[in-house]
Amino acid sequence: MLVLSSTGGHTLEQYPILSLDLPYSSQLGTITGISYDSTSFSDSSSETAELCYHLAYQNNPVTCQAIIPNFTGEVTAFNGLGFRNGVKVSVHHRVEATGSFHYLQPTKEESITFHYTVD
């Protein structure tokens, strides 16, 4: 993550659902939970993170839920929303400005697991 001296830093990781991920590309489902294992960024003293749900093929999220950086958990805020080709979940990390220009490295890889039922 690039951190600017006056505006801080932001990073985004996206997890789309592709037709290859589904047993049948025409199947629709409903989210019943999303498990996550989030990272944090080294030397960051004021980091926030959130998990966001995007409708199929949309860049702007419909809803977001705050999560704890460098933590494993499950979010139920997206339960009942659609699970289908093109839907994606993104993880946003933000750090406050520190007065210096520098790079931060993630402490580990992030992962997302979708839990869903088929309609």
C-alpha atoms as a PDB file:
ATOM      1  CA  MET A   1       0.000   0.000   0.000  1.00  0.00           C
ATOM      2  CA  LEU A   2       1.325   3.421  -0.940  1.00  0.00           C
ATOM      3  CA  VAL A   3       0.827   5.919   1.891  1.00  0.00           C
ATOM      4  CA  LEU A   4       0.940   9.598   1.001  1.00  0.00           C
ATOM      5  CA  SER A   5       2.115  12.092   3.590  1.00  0.00           C
ATOM      6  CA  SER A   6      -1.073  14.182   3.555  1.00  0.00           C
ATOM      7  CA  THR A   7      -3.875  11.801   2.536  1.00  0.00           C
ATOM      8  CA  GLY A   8      -2.914   8.388   3.895  1.00  0.00           C
ATOM      9  CA  GLY A   9      -3.353   5.179   1.944  1.00  0.00           C
ATOM     10  CA  HIS A  10      -5.995   2.826   0.591  1.00  0.00           C
ATOM     11  CA  THR A  11      -5.901  -0.654  -0.877  1.00  0.00           C
ATOM     12  CA  LEU A  12      -8.636  -2.797  -2.408  1.00  0.00           C
ATOM     13  CA  GLU A  13      -8.807  -6.536  -3.019  1.00  0.00           C
ATOM     14  CA  GLN A  14     -11.728  -7.948  -5.029  1.00  0.00           C
ATOM     15  CA  TYR A  15     -13.207 -11.454  -4.910  1.00  0.00           C
ATOM     16  CA  PRO A  16     -15.601 -11.936  -7.861  1.00  0.00           C
ATOM     17  CA  ILE A  17     -17.866 -14.909  -8.478  1.00  0.00           C
ATOM     18  CA  LEU A  18     -17.185 -16.248 -11.959  1.00  0.00           C
ATOM     19  CA  SER A  19     -19.240 -18.720 -13.959  1.00  0.00           C
ATOM     20  CA  LEU A  20     -16.397 -21.244 -13.549  1.00  0.00           C
ATOM     21  CA  ASP A  21     -16.889 -21.039  -9.768  1.00  0.00           C
ATOM     22  CA  LEU A  22     -20.490 -22.239 -10.008  1.00  0.00           C
ATOM     23  CA  PRO A  23     -21.621 -25.777 -10.763  1.00  0.00           C
ATOM     24  CA  TYR A  24     -24.075 -24.433 -13.348  1.00  0.00           C
ATOM     25  CA  SER A  25     -23.675 -20.902 -14.714  1.00  0.00           C
ATOM     26  CA  SER A  26     -27.434 -20.352 -14.718  1.00  0.00           C
ATOM     27  CA  GLN A  27     -27.865 -21.206 -11.035  1.00  0.00           C
ATOM     28  CA  LEU A  28     -28.765 -18.438  -8.640  1.00  0.00           C
ATOM     29  CA  GLY A  29     -28.214 -18.542  -4.931  1.00  0.00           C
ATOM     30  CA  THR A  30     -28.536 -16.607  -1.708  1.00  0.00           C
ATOM     31  CA  ILE A  31     -25.665 -15.712   0.612  1.00  0.00           C
ATOM     32  CA  THR A  32     -25.884 -17.282   4.074  1.00  0.00           C
ATOM     33  CA  GLY A  33     -22.575 -15.922   5.378  1.00  0.00           C
ATOM     34  CA  ILE A  34     -19.088 -14.837   4.346  1.00  0.00           C
ATOM     35  CA  SER A  35     -16.034 -16.015   6.241  1.00  0.00           C
ATOM     36  CA  TYR A  36     -12.837 -14.011   5.993  1.00  0.00           C
ATOM     37  CA  ASP A  37      -9.215 -14.052   7.056  1.00  0.00           C
ATOM     38  CA  SER A  38      -8.013 -10.455   6.742  1.00  0.00           C
ATOM     39  CA  THR A  39      -4.528  -9.050   6.652  1.00  0.00           C
ATOM     40  CA  SER A  40      -3.068  -5.929   8.175  1.00  0.00           C
ATOM     41  CA  PHE A  41      -0.290  -3.678   6.973  1.00  0.00           C
ATOM     42  CA  SER A  42       3.084  -3.470   8.671  1.00  0.00           C
ATOM     43  CA  ASP A  43       3.873  -0.351  10.672  1.00  0.00           C
ATOM     44  CA  SER A  44       0.293   0.912  10.443  1.00  0.00           C
ATOM     45  CA  SER A  45      -0.965   2.525  13.631  1.00  0.00           C
ATOM     46  CA  SER A  46      -4.409   3.641  12.441  1.00  0.00           C
ATOM     47  CA  GLU A  47      -5.744   1.029  10.020  1.00  0.00           C
ATOM     48  CA  THR A  48      -9.408   0.333   9.314  1.00  0.00           C
ATOM     49  CA  ALA A  49     -10.880  -2.389   7.103  1.00  0.00           C
ATOM     50  CA  GLU A  50     -14.278  -3.233   5.645  1.00  0.00           C
ATOM     51  CA  LEU A  51     -15.864  -5.979   3.599  1.00  0.00           C
ATOM     52  CA  CYS A  52     -18.179  -4.728   0.814  1.00  0.00           C
ATOM     53  CA  TYR A  53     -20.809  -6.473  -1.327  1.00  0.00           C
ATOM     54  CA  HIS A  54     -21.194  -5.510  -5.015  1.00  0.00           C
ATOM     55  CA  LEU A  55     -24.100  -6.405  -7.286  1.00  0.00           C
ATOM     56  CA  ALA A  56     -23.211  -8.335 -10.440  1.00  0.00           C
ATOM     57  CA  TYR A  57     -20.766  -6.411 -12.643  1.00  0.00           C
ATOM     58  CA  GLN A  58     -20.989  -3.221 -10.530  1.00  0.00           C
ATOM     59  CA  ASN A  59     -17.991  -1.287  -9.230  1.00  0.00           C
ATOM     60  CA  ASN A  60     -19.747   0.610  -6.447  1.00  0.00           C
ATOM     61  CA  PRO A  61     -20.641  -1.440  -3.375  1.00  0.00           C
ATOM     62  CA  VAL A  62     -24.247  -1.809  -2.241  1.00  0.00           C
ATOM     63  CA  THR A  63     -23.328  -2.245   1.418  1.00  0.00           C
ATOM     64  CA  CYS A  64     -20.215  -2.558   3.559  1.00  0.00           C
ATOM     65  CA  GLN A  65     -19.434  -4.036   6.972  1.00  0.00           C
ATOM     66  CA  ALA A  66     -16.475  -3.008   9.137  1.00  0.00           C
ATOM     67  CA  ILE A  67     -14.072  -5.853   9.959  1.00  0.00           C
ATOM     68  CA  ILE A  68     -10.998  -6.064  12.158  1.00  0.00           C
ATOM     69  CA  PRO A  69      -7.656  -6.055  10.302  1.00  0.00           C
ATOM     70  CA  ASN A  70      -5.545  -9.198  10.795  1.00  0.00           C
ATOM     71  CA  PHE A  71      -8.532 -11.136  12.113  1.00  0.00           C
ATOM     72  CA  THR A  72     -10.564 -14.193  11.115  1.00  0.00           C
ATOM     73  CA  GLY A  73     -14.336 -14.013  11.344  1.00  0.00           C
ATOM     74  CA  GLU A  74     -17.707 -14.289   9.617  1.00  0.00           C
ATOM     75  CA  VAL A  75     -20.019 -11.546   8.381  1.00  0.00           C
ATOM     76  CA  THR A  76     -23.788 -12.104   8.315  1.00  0.00           C
ATOM     77  CA  ALA A  77     -24.674  -8.573   7.143  1.00  0.00           C
ATOM     78  CA  PHE A  78     -24.920  -9.809   3.529  1.00  0.00           C
ATOM     79  CA  ASN A  79     -27.216 -12.751   4.300  1.00  0.00           C
ATOM     80  CA  GLY A  80     -30.150 -12.901   1.922  1.00  0.00           C
ATOM     81  CA  LEU A  81     -28.333 -11.050  -0.867  1.00  0.00           C
ATOM     82  CA  GLY A  82     -27.830 -12.694  -4.238  1.00  0.00           C
ATOM     83  CA  PHE A  83     -25.032 -15.102  -5.062  1.00  0.00           C
ATOM     84  CA  ARG A  84     -24.532 -15.465  -8.803  1.00  0.00           C
ATOM     85  CA  ASN A  85     -22.119 -14.913 -11.642  1.00  0.00           C
ATOM     86  CA  GLY A  86     -20.679 -11.374 -11.524  1.00  0.00           C
ATOM     87  CA  VAL A  87     -21.330 -10.665  -7.838  1.00  0.00           C
ATOM     88  CA  LYS A  88     -18.210  -9.719  -5.903  1.00  0.00           C
ATOM     89  CA  VAL A  89     -17.018  -8.931  -2.422  1.00  0.00           C
ATOM     90  CA  SER A  90     -14.160  -6.527  -1.841  1.00  0.00           C
ATOM     91  CA  VAL A  91     -11.923  -5.829   1.127  1.00  0.00           C
ATOM     92  CA  HIS A  92     -10.843  -2.218   1.683  1.00  0.00           C
ATOM     93  CA  HIS A  93      -7.975  -1.233   3.969  1.00  0.00           C
ATOM     94  CA  ARG A  94      -7.299   2.402   4.870  1.00  0.00           C
ATOM     95  CA  VAL A  95      -4.573   4.083   6.898  1.00  0.00           C
ATOM     96  CA  GLU A  96      -4.399   7.675   8.080  1.00  0.00           C
ATOM     97  CA  ALA A  97      -1.778  10.133   6.862  1.00  0.00           C
ATOM     98  CA  THR A  98       1.454   9.887   8.826  1.00  0.00           C
ATOM     99  CA  GLY A  99       3.302  12.918   7.479  1.00  0.00           C
ATOM    100  CA  SER A 100       5.660  10.799   5.400  1.00  0.00           C
ATOM    101  CA  PHE A 101       5.554   9.100   2.012  1.00  0.00           C
ATOM    102  CA  HIS A 102       6.157   5.343   2.301  1.00  0.00           C
ATOM    103  CA  TYR A 103       4.995   1.833   1.388  1.00  0.00           C
ATOM    104  CA  LEU A 104       3.341  -0.684   3.714  1.00  0.00           C
ATOM    105  CA  GLN A 105       3.408  -4.440   3.149  1.00  0.00           C
ATOM    106  CA  PRO A 106       0.570  -6.853   4.046  1.00  0.00           C
ATOM    107  CA  THR A 107       1.389  -9.230   6.884  1.00  0.00           C
ATOM    108  CA  LYS A 108      -0.276 -12.218   5.147  1.00  0.00           C
ATOM    109  CA  GLU A 109      -2.599 -13.203   2.295  1.00  0.00           C
ATOM    110  CA  GLU A 110      -6.308 -12.531   2.682  1.00  0.00           C
ATOM    111  CA  SER A 111      -9.019 -15.049   1.905  1.00  0.00           C
ATOM    112  CA  ILE A 112     -12.799 -15.012   1.540  1.00  0.00           C
ATOM    113  CA  THR A 113     -15.188 -17.983   1.698  1.00  0.00           C
ATOM    114  CA  PHE A 114     -18.772 -17.612   0.491  1.00  0.00           C
ATOM    115  CA  HIS A 115     -21.497 -19.628   2.212  1.00  0.00           C
ATOM    116  CA  TYR A 116     -24.692 -19.852   0.159  1.00  0.00           C
ATOM    117  CA  THR A 117     -27.769 -21.844  -0.728  1.00  0.00           C
ATOM    118  CA  VAL A 118     -28.946 -22.560  -4.274  1.00  0.00           C
ATOM    119  CA  ASP A 119     -32.376 -21.138  -5.128  1.00  0.00           C
END
